Amino acid sequence: MTAPVQDAIVLLGDSLTQGGWEAHGFAQRLACESAYVRKFDVINRGFSGYNTEWTIPVFEQCLARRNEQSSAQKIRLLTIWYGANDATLPGFRQHIPLEKFGANLTRLVNMVRDPSSEWFSSETKLFLITPPPFNVHQWVAGTNSAGVPHERDRDFKVTAEYAQKVREVGASEKIPVVDVWRALWNIAGQTERGLTKYLSDGLHLTGEGYSVGTKQLSNILRDLLTRNPFVFKVVYEELIGAIKEYTPELYYENLQEVFVK
């Protein structure tokens, strides 16, 4: 066990976050490129298949309670990225009704922000991330890991509604939103055909897609990183942009390295 000599960035989410450790993923780029090396540890708490409802009890175990925080690593930045699984259609096990999804996001936020919460952390800055657009045609043409064709369990317009709910929660809670849905849709020329470059299967991001989101977060933390393969690229660039814009004190150029002689 190592001593917590660096503060941390924690990435909370579903498979889109878990996949951020893949080559050129946004988590990998945050952790391994020069921007946050020797400045912040990057901790990936992505849980493939999870929705917001299933995440709440897990999040309670991932966070240090007040009486544990003095000896725990400080979380300086927390991203919350859900909606892709919550937006599955009614009748499928991952489905969470839209209003319940919004309430769950608010609950996750308040676990950290509400002074009466066991997990309150005044030093943690939060960012919400919207789900990316869903490409129905690409999804139904593919198969799962067992080679079984994907079910038509999601819909483009429904996922757009969940992205909008993330924006609404961000506005009501006064939290920056990394709008991956809008960034990818615009860069794809607002066509589902254009999304194939950024989505590996209609749902999950390619390296280029991740990069877009990271850039937005940075523009929001230049006020928190950049390089290539493309969907991971979208997420990465959006995220870095957001960090730069909204929490400049956490933007990598404004941080000191540890153990500098």
C-alpha atoms as a PDB file:
ATOM      1  CA  MET A   1       0.000   0.000   0.000  1.00  0.00           C
ATOM      2  CA  THR A   2       1.431   3.356  -0.999  1.00  0.00           C
ATOM      3  CA  ALA A   3       1.037   6.617   0.880  1.00  0.00           C
ATOM      4  CA  PRO A   4      -1.351   9.148  -0.736  1.00  0.00           C
ATOM      5  CA  VAL A   5       1.344  11.626  -1.761  1.00  0.00           C
ATOM      6  CA  GLN A   6      -0.766  12.878  -4.689  1.00  0.00           C
ATOM      7  CA  ASP A   7      -4.371  13.956  -4.792  1.00  0.00           C
ATOM      8  CA  ALA A   8      -6.661  12.170  -7.243  1.00  0.00           C
ATOM      9  CA  ILE A   9      -9.035  12.483 -10.161  1.00  0.00           C
ATOM     10  CA  VAL A  10     -11.815   9.869  -9.878  1.00  0.00           C
ATOM     11  CA  LEU A  11     -13.796   8.792 -12.949  1.00  0.00           C
ATOM     12  CA  LEU A  12     -17.167   7.255 -12.032  1.00  0.00           C
ATOM     13  CA  GLY A  13     -19.353   5.622 -14.655  1.00  0.00           C
ATOM     14  CA  ASP A  14     -20.343   2.595 -16.723  1.00  0.00           C
ATOM     15  CA  SER A  15     -18.480   0.763 -19.526  1.00  0.00           C
ATOM     16  CA  LEU A  16     -17.754   4.064 -21.274  1.00  0.00           C
ATOM     17  CA  THR A  17     -15.660   5.051 -18.254  1.00  0.00           C
ATOM     18  CA  GLN A  18     -14.227   1.554 -17.740  1.00  0.00           C
ATOM     19  CA  GLY A  19     -13.176   1.578 -21.396  1.00  0.00           C
ATOM     20  CA  GLY A  20     -11.276   4.778 -20.791  1.00  0.00           C
ATOM     21  CA  TRP A  21      -8.267   2.617 -19.845  1.00  0.00           C
ATOM     22  CA  GLU A  22      -8.041   1.218 -23.382  1.00  0.00           C
ATOM     23  CA  ALA A  23      -5.325   2.488 -25.714  1.00  0.00           C
ATOM     24  CA  HIS A  24      -5.924   6.190 -26.333  1.00  0.00           C
ATOM     25  CA  GLY A  25      -8.828   6.194 -23.879  1.00  0.00           C
ATOM     26  CA  PHE A  26      -9.497   9.369 -21.931  1.00  0.00           C
ATOM     27  CA  ALA A  27      -8.544   7.814 -18.570  1.00  0.00           C
ATOM     28  CA  GLN A  28      -5.310   6.457 -19.995  1.00  0.00           C
ATOM     29  CA  ARG A  29      -4.444   9.794 -21.522  1.00  0.00           C
ATOM     30  CA  LEU A  30      -5.183  11.678 -18.319  1.00  0.00           C
ATOM     31  CA  ALA A  31      -3.018   9.277 -16.311  1.00  0.00           C
ATOM     32  CA  CYS A  32      -0.152   8.502 -18.676  1.00  0.00           C
ATOM     33  CA  GLU A  33       0.471  11.537 -20.827  1.00  0.00           C
ATOM     34  CA  SER A  34       2.562  14.338 -19.412  1.00  0.00           C
ATOM     35  CA  ALA A  35      -0.335  16.531 -18.247  1.00  0.00           C
ATOM     36  CA  TYR A  36      -1.155  14.930 -14.875  1.00  0.00           C
ATOM     37  CA  VAL A  37       1.894  12.733 -14.325  1.00  0.00           C
ATOM     38  CA  ARG A  38       3.298  13.530 -10.854  1.00  0.00           C
ATOM     39  CA  LYS A  39       0.374  15.866 -10.234  1.00  0.00           C
ATOM     40  CA  PHE A  40      -2.788  13.783  -9.770  1.00  0.00           C
ATOM     41  CA  ASP A  41      -3.437  10.042  -9.661  1.00  0.00           C
ATOM     42  CA  VAL A  42      -6.238   9.010 -12.021  1.00  0.00           C
ATOM     43  CA  ILE A  43      -8.584   6.412 -10.505  1.00  0.00           C
ATOM     44  CA  ASN A  44     -11.025   4.648 -12.834  1.00  0.00           C
ATOM     45  CA  ARG A  45     -14.257   3.559 -11.174  1.00  0.00           C
ATOM     46  CA  GLY A  46     -16.054   2.523 -14.353  1.00  0.00           C
ATOM     47  CA  PHE A  47     -18.405  -0.459 -13.984  1.00  0.00           C
ATOM     48  CA  SER A  48     -19.445  -2.074 -17.251  1.00  0.00           C
ATOM     49  CA  GLY A  49     -23.199  -2.602 -17.534  1.00  0.00           C
ATOM     50  CA  TYR A  50     -24.098  -0.414 -14.560  1.00  0.00           C
ATOM     51  CA  ASN A  51     -26.830   2.194 -14.405  1.00  0.00           C
ATOM     52  CA  THR A  52     -27.228   4.954 -11.808  1.00  0.00           C
ATOM     53  CA  GLU A  53     -29.426   2.836  -9.517  1.00  0.00           C
ATOM     54  CA  TRP A  54     -26.870   0.039  -9.244  1.00  0.00           C
ATOM     55  CA  THR A  55     -24.052   2.540  -8.771  1.00  0.00           C
ATOM     56  CA  ILE A  56     -25.321   4.262  -5.621  1.00  0.00           C
ATOM     57  CA  PRO A  57     -24.447   1.450  -3.139  1.00  0.00           C
ATOM     58  CA  VAL A  58     -21.124   0.883  -4.911  1.00  0.00           C
ATOM     59  CA  PHE A  59     -20.260   4.579  -4.764  1.00  0.00           C
ATOM     60  CA  GLU A  60     -20.907   4.536  -1.026  1.00  0.00           C
ATOM     61  CA  GLN A  61     -18.128   1.940  -0.736  1.00  0.00           C
ATOM     62  CA  CYS A  62     -15.733   3.795  -3.048  1.00  0.00           C
ATOM     63  CA  LEU A  63     -15.781   7.093  -1.169  1.00  0.00           C
ATOM     64  CA  ALA A  64     -14.105   7.801   2.155  1.00  0.00           C
ATOM     65  CA  ARG A  65     -16.522   8.859   4.880  1.00  0.00           C
ATOM     66  CA  ARG A  66     -15.867  12.000   6.910  1.00  0.00           C
ATOM     67  CA  ASN A  67     -14.156  10.084   9.712  1.00  0.00           C
ATOM     68  CA  GLU A  68     -11.850   8.391   7.167  1.00  0.00           C
ATOM     69  CA  GLN A  69     -10.922  11.383   5.040  1.00  0.00           C
ATOM     70  CA  SER A  70      -7.963  12.594   7.096  1.00  0.00           C
ATOM     71  CA  SER A  71      -5.969   9.492   6.119  1.00  0.00           C
ATOM     72  CA  ALA A  72      -7.469   8.980   2.660  1.00  0.00           C
ATOM     73  CA  GLN A  73      -6.372  10.309  -0.705  1.00  0.00           C
ATOM     74  CA  LYS A  74      -8.075  13.608  -1.497  1.00  0.00           C
ATOM     75  CA  ILE A  75     -10.383  13.570  -4.507  1.00  0.00           C
ATOM     76  CA  ARG A  76      -9.860  16.897  -6.246  1.00  0.00           C
ATOM     77  CA  LEU A  77     -11.952  16.132  -9.313  1.00  0.00           C
ATOM     78  CA  LEU A  78     -14.840  13.686  -9.801  1.00  0.00           C
ATOM     79  CA  THR A  79     -16.508  12.951 -13.146  1.00  0.00           C
ATOM     80  CA  ILE A  80     -19.911  11.224 -13.226  1.00  0.00           C
ATOM     81  CA  TRP A  81     -20.778   9.650 -16.591  1.00  0.00           C
ATOM     82  CA  TYR A  82     -24.065   7.764 -16.895  1.00  0.00           C
ATOM     83  CA  GLY A  83     -27.097   7.531 -19.136  1.00  0.00           C
ATOM     84  CA  ALA A  84     -26.072   5.031 -21.818  1.00  0.00           C
ATOM     85  CA  ASN A  85     -27.444   2.065 -19.838  1.00  0.00           C
ATOM     86  CA  ASP A  86     -30.161   3.943 -17.950  1.00  0.00           C
ATOM     87  CA  ALA A  87     -31.578   4.805 -21.393  1.00  0.00           C
ATOM     88  CA  THR A  88     -32.252   1.201 -22.381  1.00  0.00           C
ATOM     89  CA  LEU A  89     -35.897   0.788 -23.315  1.00  0.00           C
ATOM     90  CA  PRO A  90     -38.581  -0.209 -20.752  1.00  0.00           C
ATOM     91  CA  GLY A  91     -38.652  -3.956 -20.211  1.00  0.00           C
ATOM     92  CA  PHE A  92     -34.871  -4.336 -20.299  1.00  0.00           C
ATOM     93  CA  ARG A  93     -33.129  -4.834 -16.939  1.00  0.00           C
ATOM     94  CA  GLN A  94     -30.835  -1.804 -17.152  1.00  0.00           C
ATOM     95  CA  HIS A  95     -33.684   0.639 -17.827  1.00  0.00           C
ATOM     96  CA  ILE A  96     -34.144   3.493 -15.358  1.00  0.00           C
ATOM     97  CA  PRO A  97     -37.085   5.871 -15.987  1.00  0.00           C
ATOM     98  CA  LEU A  98     -35.960   9.332 -17.068  1.00  0.00           C
ATOM     99  CA  GLU A  99     -37.052  11.226 -13.938  1.00  0.00           C
ATOM    100  CA  LYS A 100     -35.581   8.537 -11.683  1.00  0.00           C
ATOM    101  CA  PHE A 101     -32.336   8.816 -13.635  1.00  0.00           C
ATOM    102  CA  GLY A 102     -32.246  12.544 -12.921  1.00  0.00           C
ATOM    103  CA  ALA A 103     -32.959  11.942  -9.240  1.00  0.00           C
ATOM    104  CA  ASN A 104     -30.184   9.342  -9.056  1.00  0.00           C
ATOM    105  CA  LEU A 105     -27.675  11.725 -10.627  1.00  0.00           C
ATOM    106  CA  THR A 106     -28.666  14.388  -8.124  1.00  0.00           C
ATOM    107  CA  ARG A 107     -28.234  11.905  -5.285  1.00  0.00           C
ATOM    108  CA  LEU A 108     -24.721  10.978  -6.465  1.00  0.00           C
ATOM    109  CA  VAL A 109     -23.840  14.665  -6.645  1.00  0.00           C
ATOM    110  CA  ASN A 110     -25.229  15.406  -3.198  1.00  0.00           C
ATOM    111  CA  MET A 111     -23.328  12.536  -1.626  1.00  0.00           C
ATOM    112  CA  VAL A 112     -20.239  14.657  -2.246  1.00  0.00           C
ATOM    113  CA  ARG A 113     -21.661  18.187  -2.137  1.00  0.00           C
ATOM    114  CA  ASP A 114     -24.212  18.143   0.689  1.00  0.00           C
ATOM    115  CA  PRO A 115     -22.546  19.172   4.001  1.00  0.00           C
ATOM    116  CA  SER A 116     -24.884  16.799   5.865  1.00  0.00           C
ATOM    117  CA  SER A 117     -23.700  13.787   3.819  1.00  0.00           C
ATOM    118  CA  GLU A 118     -21.403  11.147   5.322  1.00  0.00           C
ATOM    119  CA  TRP A 119     -19.268  11.497   2.178  1.00  0.00           C
ATOM    120  CA  PHE A 120     -19.194  15.298   1.960  1.00  0.00           C
ATOM    121  CA  SER A 121     -15.959  16.659   0.495  1.00  0.00           C
ATOM    122  CA  SER A 122     -15.582  20.413   0.170  1.00  0.00           C
ATOM    123  CA  GLU A 123     -12.372  19.991  -1.861  1.00  0.00           C
ATOM    124  CA  THR A 124     -13.929  17.906  -4.644  1.00  0.00           C
ATOM    125  CA  LYS A 125     -14.952  19.558  -7.917  1.00  0.00           C
ATOM    126  CA  LEU A 126     -17.584  17.704  -9.943  1.00  0.00           C
ATOM    127  CA  PHE A 127     -18.269  17.324 -13.663  1.00  0.00           C
ATOM    128  CA  LEU A 128     -21.214  15.543 -15.256  1.00  0.00           C
ATOM    129  CA  ILE A 129     -20.795  13.895 -18.672  1.00  0.00           C
ATOM    130  CA  THR A 130     -23.656  13.221 -21.086  1.00  0.00           C
ATOM    131  CA  PRO A 131     -24.003   9.849 -22.810  1.00  0.00           C
ATOM    132  CA  PRO A 132     -22.896   9.878 -26.458  1.00  0.00           C
ATOM    133  CA  PRO A 133     -25.422   9.590 -29.302  1.00  0.00           C
ATOM    134  CA  PHE A 134     -26.630   6.048 -29.970  1.00  0.00           C
ATOM    135  CA  ASN A 135     -26.361   4.600 -33.490  1.00  0.00           C
ATOM    136  CA  VAL A 136     -29.213   2.097 -33.819  1.00  0.00           C
ATOM    137  CA  HIS A 137     -28.167   0.791 -37.239  1.00  0.00           C
ATOM    138  CA  GLN A 138     -24.602   0.087 -36.149  1.00  0.00           C
ATOM    139  CA  TRP A 139     -25.794  -1.594 -32.934  1.00  0.00           C
ATOM    140  CA  VAL A 140     -28.307  -4.027 -34.459  1.00  0.00           C
ATOM    141  CA  ALA A 141     -25.803  -5.007 -37.151  1.00  0.00           C
ATOM    142  CA  GLY A 142     -23.333  -6.176 -34.490  1.00  0.00           C
ATOM    143  CA  THR A 143     -23.099  -8.982 -31.933  1.00  0.00           C
ATOM    144  CA  ASN A 144     -22.204  -9.313 -28.270  1.00  0.00           C
ATOM    145  CA  SER A 145     -19.121 -11.094 -26.899  1.00  0.00           C
ATOM    146  CA  ALA A 146     -20.916 -14.442 -27.266  1.00  0.00           C
ATOM    147  CA  GLY A 147     -21.612 -13.794 -30.935  1.00  0.00           C
ATOM    148  CA  VAL A 148     -25.330 -13.235 -30.364  1.00  0.00           C
ATOM    149  CA  PRO A 149     -26.885 -10.350 -32.358  1.00  0.00           C
ATOM    150  CA  HIS A 150     -27.643  -7.265 -30.256  1.00  0.00           C
ATOM    151  CA  GLU A 151     -31.246  -6.710 -29.252  1.00  0.00           C
ATOM    152  CA  ARG A 152     -32.942  -3.463 -30.218  1.00  0.00           C
ATOM    153  CA  ASP A 153     -32.834  -2.319 -26.579  1.00  0.00           C
ATOM    154  CA  ARG A 154     -31.924   1.335 -27.137  1.00  0.00           C
ATOM    155  CA  ASP A 155     -33.056   4.223 -29.290  1.00  0.00           C
ATOM    156  CA  PHE A 156     -31.349   7.347 -30.627  1.00  0.00           C
ATOM    157  CA  LYS A 157     -34.088   9.751 -29.527  1.00  0.00           C
ATOM    158  CA  VAL A 158     -34.433   8.173 -26.086  1.00  0.00           C
ATOM    159  CA  THR A 159     -30.697   8.458 -25.431  1.00  0.00           C
ATOM    160  CA  ALA A 160     -30.912  12.112 -26.479  1.00  0.00           C
ATOM    161  CA  GLU A 161     -33.532  12.643 -23.749  1.00  0.00           C
ATOM    162  CA  TYR A 162     -31.165  11.198 -21.138  1.00  0.00           C
ATOM    163  CA  ALA A 163     -28.371  13.464 -22.366  1.00  0.00           C
ATOM    164  CA  GLN A 164     -30.736  16.408 -21.929  1.00  0.00           C
ATOM    165  CA  LYS A 165     -31.551  15.259 -18.396  1.00  0.00           C
ATOM    166  CA  VAL A 166     -27.820  15.352 -17.565  1.00  0.00           C
ATOM    167  CA  ARG A 167     -27.727  18.951 -18.805  1.00  0.00           C
ATOM    168  CA  GLU A 168     -30.740  19.814 -16.662  1.00  0.00           C
ATOM    169  CA  VAL A 169     -29.211  18.286 -13.525  1.00  0.00           C
ATOM    170  CA  GLY A 170     -25.973  20.148 -14.210  1.00  0.00           C
ATOM    171  CA  ALA A 171     -27.859  23.427 -14.545  1.00  0.00           C
ATOM    172  CA  SER A 172     -29.965  22.909 -11.423  1.00  0.00           C
ATOM    173  CA  GLU A 173     -26.969  21.803  -9.329  1.00  0.00           C
ATOM    174  CA  LYS A 174     -24.642  24.392 -10.896  1.00  0.00           C
ATOM    175  CA  ILE A 175     -22.181  21.729 -12.049  1.00  0.00           C
ATOM    176  CA  PRO A 176     -20.265  21.893 -15.355  1.00  0.00           C
ATOM    177  CA  VAL A 177     -21.474  19.436 -17.991  1.00  0.00           C
ATOM    178  CA  VAL A 178     -19.125  17.820 -20.506  1.00  0.00           C
ATOM    179  CA  ASP A 179     -21.538  17.505 -23.417  1.00  0.00           C
ATOM    180  CA  VAL A 180     -20.179  14.471 -25.260  1.00  0.00           C
ATOM    181  CA  TRP A 181     -23.554  13.918 -26.966  1.00  0.00           C
ATOM    182  CA  ARG A 182     -23.538  17.330 -28.615  1.00  0.00           C
ATOM    183  CA  ALA A 183     -19.811  17.318 -29.429  1.00  0.00           C
ATOM    184  CA  LEU A 184     -19.951  13.918 -31.146  1.00  0.00           C
ATOM    185  CA  TRP A 185     -23.188  14.675 -32.967  1.00  0.00           C
ATOM    186  CA  ASN A 186     -21.775  17.913 -34.336  1.00  0.00           C
ATOM    187  CA  ILE A 187     -18.405  16.475 -35.330  1.00  0.00           C
ATOM    188  CA  ALA A 188     -20.241  13.583 -37.046  1.00  0.00           C
ATOM    189  CA  GLY A 189     -22.082  16.079 -39.212  1.00  0.00           C
ATOM    190  CA  GLN A 190     -25.337  15.415 -37.325  1.00  0.00           C
ATOM    191  CA  THR A 191     -25.837  12.106 -39.159  1.00  0.00           C
ATOM    192  CA  GLU A 192     -25.884   8.562 -37.801  1.00  0.00           C
ATOM    193  CA  ARG A 193     -23.604   7.491 -40.656  1.00  0.00           C
ATOM    194  CA  GLY A 194     -21.053  10.015 -39.441  1.00  0.00           C
ATOM    195  CA  LEU A 195     -21.121   8.484 -35.959  1.00  0.00           C
ATOM    196  CA  THR A 196     -19.531   5.219 -37.141  1.00  0.00           C
ATOM    197  CA  LYS A 197     -16.083   6.823 -36.897  1.00  0.00           C
ATOM    198  CA  TYR A 198     -16.610   7.552 -33.222  1.00  0.00           C
ATOM    199  CA  LEU A 199     -18.653   4.539 -32.053  1.00  0.00           C
ATOM    200  CA  SER A 200     -17.199   1.038 -32.230  1.00  0.00           C
ATOM    201  CA  ASP A 201     -20.570  -0.721 -32.109  1.00  0.00           C
ATOM    202  CA  GLY A 202     -23.172   2.038 -31.992  1.00  0.00           C
ATOM    203  CA  LEU A 203     -22.882   2.429 -28.204  1.00  0.00           C
ATOM    204  CA  HIS A 204     -19.233   2.354 -27.115  1.00  0.00           C
ATOM    205  CA  LEU A 205     -16.626   4.888 -28.136  1.00  0.00           C
ATOM    206  CA  THR A 206     -13.602   4.499 -30.353  1.00  0.00           C
ATOM    207  CA  GLY A 207     -10.291   6.168 -29.489  1.00  0.00           C
ATOM    208  CA  GLU A 208     -11.307   9.188 -31.512  1.00  0.00           C
ATOM    209  CA  GLY A 209     -14.601   9.583 -29.712  1.00  0.00           C
ATOM    210  CA  TYR A 210     -12.969   9.552 -26.290  1.00  0.00           C
ATOM    211  CA  SER A 211     -10.594  12.291 -27.365  1.00  0.00           C
ATOM    212  CA  VAL A 212     -13.435  14.715 -28.139  1.00  0.00           C
ATOM    213  CA  GLY A 213     -14.922  14.501 -24.632  1.00  0.00           C
ATOM    214  CA  THR A 214     -11.593  14.910 -22.956  1.00  0.00           C
ATOM    215  CA  LYS A 215     -10.985  18.146 -24.848  1.00  0.00           C
ATOM    216  CA  GLN A 216     -14.265  19.646 -23.692  1.00  0.00           C
ATOM    217  CA  LEU A 217     -13.499  18.814 -20.074  1.00  0.00           C
ATOM    218  CA  SER A 218     -10.139  20.512 -20.420  1.00  0.00           C
ATOM    219  CA  ASN A 219     -11.627  23.731 -21.816  1.00  0.00           C
ATOM    220  CA  ILE A 220     -14.197  23.764 -19.044  1.00  0.00           C
ATOM    221  CA  LEU A 221     -10.616  22.498 -16.338  1.00  0.00           C
ATOM    222  CA  ARG A 222      -8.248  25.402 -18.138  1.00  0.00           C
ATOM    223  CA  ASP A 223     -10.294  27.241 -16.082  1.00  0.00           C
ATOM    224  CA  LEU A 224      -7.483  20.160 -16.169  1.00  0.00           C
ATOM    225  CA  LEU A 225      -4.995  17.420 -21.076  1.00  0.00           C
ATOM    226  CA  THR A 226      -4.309  16.397 -25.424  1.00  0.00           C
ATOM    227  CA  ARG A 227      -3.094  13.739 -28.531  1.00  0.00           C
ATOM    228  CA  ASN A 228      -4.857  11.106 -30.832  1.00  0.00           C
ATOM    229  CA  PRO A 229      -6.867   8.105 -31.961  1.00  0.00           C
ATOM    230  CA  PHE A 230     -10.369   9.613 -32.538  1.00  0.00           C
ATOM    231  CA  VAL A 231     -13.771   8.951 -30.074  1.00  0.00           C
ATOM    232  CA  PHE A 232     -11.581   8.620 -26.987  1.00  0.00           C
ATOM    233  CA  LYS A 233     -10.177  11.795 -28.463  1.00  0.00           C
ATOM    234  CA  VAL A 234     -13.530  13.572 -28.382  1.00  0.00           C
ATOM    235  CA  VAL A 235     -14.173  12.761 -24.717  1.00  0.00           C
ATOM    236  CA  TYR A 236     -10.626  13.620 -23.731  1.00  0.00           C
ATOM    237  CA  GLU A 237     -10.648  17.004 -25.452  1.00  0.00           C
ATOM    238  CA  GLU A 238     -14.085  17.959 -24.152  1.00  0.00           C
ATOM    239  CA  LEU A 239     -13.097  17.009 -20.608  1.00  0.00           C
ATOM    240  CA  ILE A 240      -9.841  18.921 -20.659  1.00  0.00           C
ATOM    241  CA  GLY A 241     -11.580  21.943 -22.068  1.00  0.00           C
ATOM    242  CA  ALA A 242     -14.143  21.875 -19.292  1.00  0.00           C
ATOM    243  CA  ILE A 243     -11.470  21.630 -16.627  1.00  0.00           C
ATOM    244  CA  LYS A 244      -9.659  24.614 -18.063  1.00  0.00           C
ATOM    245  CA  GLU A 245     -12.793  26.738 -18.232  1.00  0.00           C
ATOM    246  CA  TYR A 246     -14.546  25.880 -14.963  1.00  0.00           C
ATOM    247  CA  THR A 247     -11.794  24.810 -12.564  1.00  0.00           C
ATOM    248  CA  PRO A 248      -8.610  26.507 -13.761  1.00  0.00           C
ATOM    249  CA  GLU A 249      -6.894  25.718 -10.478  1.00  0.00           C
ATOM    250  CA  LEU A 250      -6.998  22.029 -11.498  1.00  0.00           C
ATOM    251  CA  TYR A 251      -5.851  22.562 -15.083  1.00  0.00           C
ATOM    252  CA  TYR A 252      -2.590  20.666 -15.513  1.00  0.00           C
ATOM    253  CA  GLU A 253      -0.517  23.699 -16.528  1.00  0.00           C
ATOM    254  CA  ASN A 254      -1.437  25.348 -13.228  1.00  0.00           C
ATOM    255  CA  LEU A 255      -0.344  22.418 -11.030  1.00  0.00           C
ATOM    256  CA  GLN A 256       3.028  21.717  -9.455  1.00  0.00           C
ATOM    257  CA  GLU A 257       4.686  18.302  -9.735  1.00  0.00           C
ATOM    258  CA  VAL A 258       5.395  16.364  -6.546  1.00  0.00           C
ATOM    259  CA  PHE A 259       8.957  15.756  -5.314  1.00  0.00           C
ATOM    260  CA  VAL A 260      10.525  18.511  -7.387  1.00  0.00           C
ATOM    261  CA  LYS A 261      14.144  19.100  -6.399  1.00  0.00           C
END
